[in-house]
Amino acid sequence: MNASTQRPPFAGKTFEVRYDGLTALNAYDEDGLHMRYEITEGPYAGAKGEVEYTWQRVAGETYAISWQEADRATVVHVDDFAAGTSRSFFTAASLDFYRLDGSLRAV
């Protein structure tokens, strides 16, 4: 999905995503391939890990970013870095499906 020679503009940066009932930190490595996440608020608080992600520019500064966590949960974000908005679609390991709208800010 992402070209091997390109890095997304969010590589090397950390962002807080805040949704109703869930807040997380996403720290994107400089390599443009790996991210560390930690859920800091909500029912999954304390969950953290390192994942390999894929990304695709949608338009402007909006990117689709997806990954699978160690417990097999799957996550897709549509993050607009210019507007500071995040939409997340994820299936938890329990197979519960979530759709979240929230804010995005660099930390």
Protein backbone atom coordinates (compact mmCIF):
# COMPACT_ATOMS: atom_id res chain seq x y z
CA MET A 1 0.00 0.00 0.00
CA ASN A 2 2.76 2.48 0.85
CA ALA A 3 5.82 2.76 -1.37
CA SER A 4 8.96 1.38 0.24
CA THR A 5 10.96 4.54 -0.46
CA GLN A 6 8.37 6.93 0.95
CA ARG A 7 7.71 7.83 4.55
CA PRO A 8 4.48 9.40 5.74
CA PRO A 9 4.71 12.97 7.08
CA PHE A 10 3.67 11.72 10.53
CA ALA A 11 6.72 9.40 10.80
CA GLY A 12 8.82 10.21 13.85
CA LYS A 13 5.93 11.95 15.63
CA THR A 14 3.57 11.08 18.47
CA PHE A 15 -0.14 11.85 18.46
CA GLU A 16 -2.92 11.62 21.00
CA VAL A 17 -6.25 10.41 19.66
CA ARG A 18 -9.23 11.16 21.87
CA TYR A 19 -12.61 9.58 21.30
CA ASP A 20 -15.70 9.42 23.50
CA GLY A 21 -14.65 6.79 26.04
CA LEU A 22 -11.17 6.00 24.67
CA THR A 23 -7.87 7.90 24.50
CA ALA A 24 -4.60 6.58 23.10
CA LEU A 25 -1.08 7.65 22.20
CA ASN A 26 0.31 6.60 18.83
CA ALA A 27 4.07 7.04 18.43
CA TYR A 28 5.10 6.54 14.80
CA ASP A 29 8.71 5.44 14.26
CA GLU A 30 11.00 7.31 11.87
CA ASP A 31 11.02 4.28 9.55
CA GLY A 32 7.43 4.91 8.45
CA LEU A 33 6.55 1.26 9.13
CA HIS A 34 6.28 0.76 12.89
CA MET A 35 4.23 2.37 15.62
CA ARG A 36 3.99 2.05 19.38
CA TYR A 37 0.53 2.57 20.87
CA GLU A 38 -0.80 2.85 24.39
CA ILE A 39 -4.44 3.18 25.37
CA THR A 40 -4.49 5.62 28.27
CA GLU A 41 -8.23 5.98 29.00
CA GLY A 42 -11.30 3.82 28.54
CA PRO A 43 -12.20 0.15 28.81
CA TYR A 44 -8.95 -0.95 27.15
CA ALA A 45 -6.71 1.34 29.27
CA GLY A 46 -3.29 -0.19 29.80
CA ALA A 47 -3.22 -2.01 26.47
CA LYS A 48 -0.04 -1.24 24.57
CA GLY A 49 2.20 -2.71 21.97
CA GLU A 50 4.29 -2.22 18.87
CA VAL A 51 2.86 -2.93 15.44
CA GLU A 52 3.75 -2.72 11.79
CA TYR A 53 1.27 -0.51 9.98
CA THR A 54 0.38 0.36 6.41
CA TRP A 55 -0.71 3.78 5.26
CA GLN A 56 -2.26 5.44 2.25
CA ARG A 57 -2.76 9.13 1.58
CA VAL A 58 -6.47 9.76 0.94
CA ALA A 59 -6.40 13.51 0.17
CA GLY A 60 -4.56 16.56 1.48
CA GLU A 61 -3.27 15.62 4.92
CA THR A 62 -5.78 12.79 5.41
CA TYR A 63 -4.37 9.27 5.67
CA ALA A 64 -5.81 5.79 6.09
CA ILE A 65 -3.62 3.86 8.55
CA SER A 66 -4.19 0.20 9.45
CA TRP A 67 -2.62 -2.48 11.62
CA GLN A 68 -3.23 -5.71 13.50
CA GLU A 69 -2.36 -6.01 17.18
CA ALA A 70 -0.80 -9.01 18.93
CA ASP A 71 -4.19 -10.13 20.30
CA ARG A 72 -5.45 -10.13 16.67
CA ALA A 73 -7.51 -6.95 17.08
CA THR A 74 -7.64 -5.03 13.80
CA VAL A 75 -7.58 -1.24 13.57
CA VAL A 76 -8.16 1.26 10.76
CA HIS A 77 -7.78 5.00 11.27
CA VAL A 78 -8.73 7.76 8.88
CA ASP A 79 -6.73 10.64 10.34
CA ASP A 80 -6.85 14.22 9.07
CA PHE A 81 -3.68 15.73 10.46
CA ALA A 82 -4.56 19.25 9.19
CA ALA A 83 -8.05 19.31 10.72
CA GLY A 84 -7.03 17.39 13.87
CA THR A 85 -9.69 14.72 13.45
CA SER A 86 -9.56 10.94 13.69
CA ARG A 87 -12.03 8.24 12.74
CA SER A 88 -11.26 4.77 14.00
CA PHE A 89 -12.83 1.47 13.03
CA PHE A 90 -11.64 -1.52 15.02
CA THR A 91 -12.54 -5.07 15.83
CA ALA A 92 -11.40 -6.08 19.30
CA ALA A 93 -10.08 -9.57 20.06
CA SER A 94 -13.58 -10.29 21.46
CA LEU A 95 -14.92 -9.61 17.92
CA ASP A 96 -16.81 -6.51 19.12
CA PHE A 97 -16.77 -3.86 16.38
CA TYR A 98 -16.31 -0.16 17.17
CA ARG A 99 -16.69 3.04 15.14
CA LEU A 100 -15.23 6.11 16.82
CA ASP A 101 -14.96 9.80 15.87
CA GLY A 102 -12.62 12.08 17.74
CA SER A 103 -9.72 14.48 17.87
CA LEU A 104 -6.07 14.12 16.93
CA ARG A 105 -3.20 16.26 18.23
CA ALA A 106 0.57 16.11 18.21
CA VAL A 107 2.18 15.66 21.63
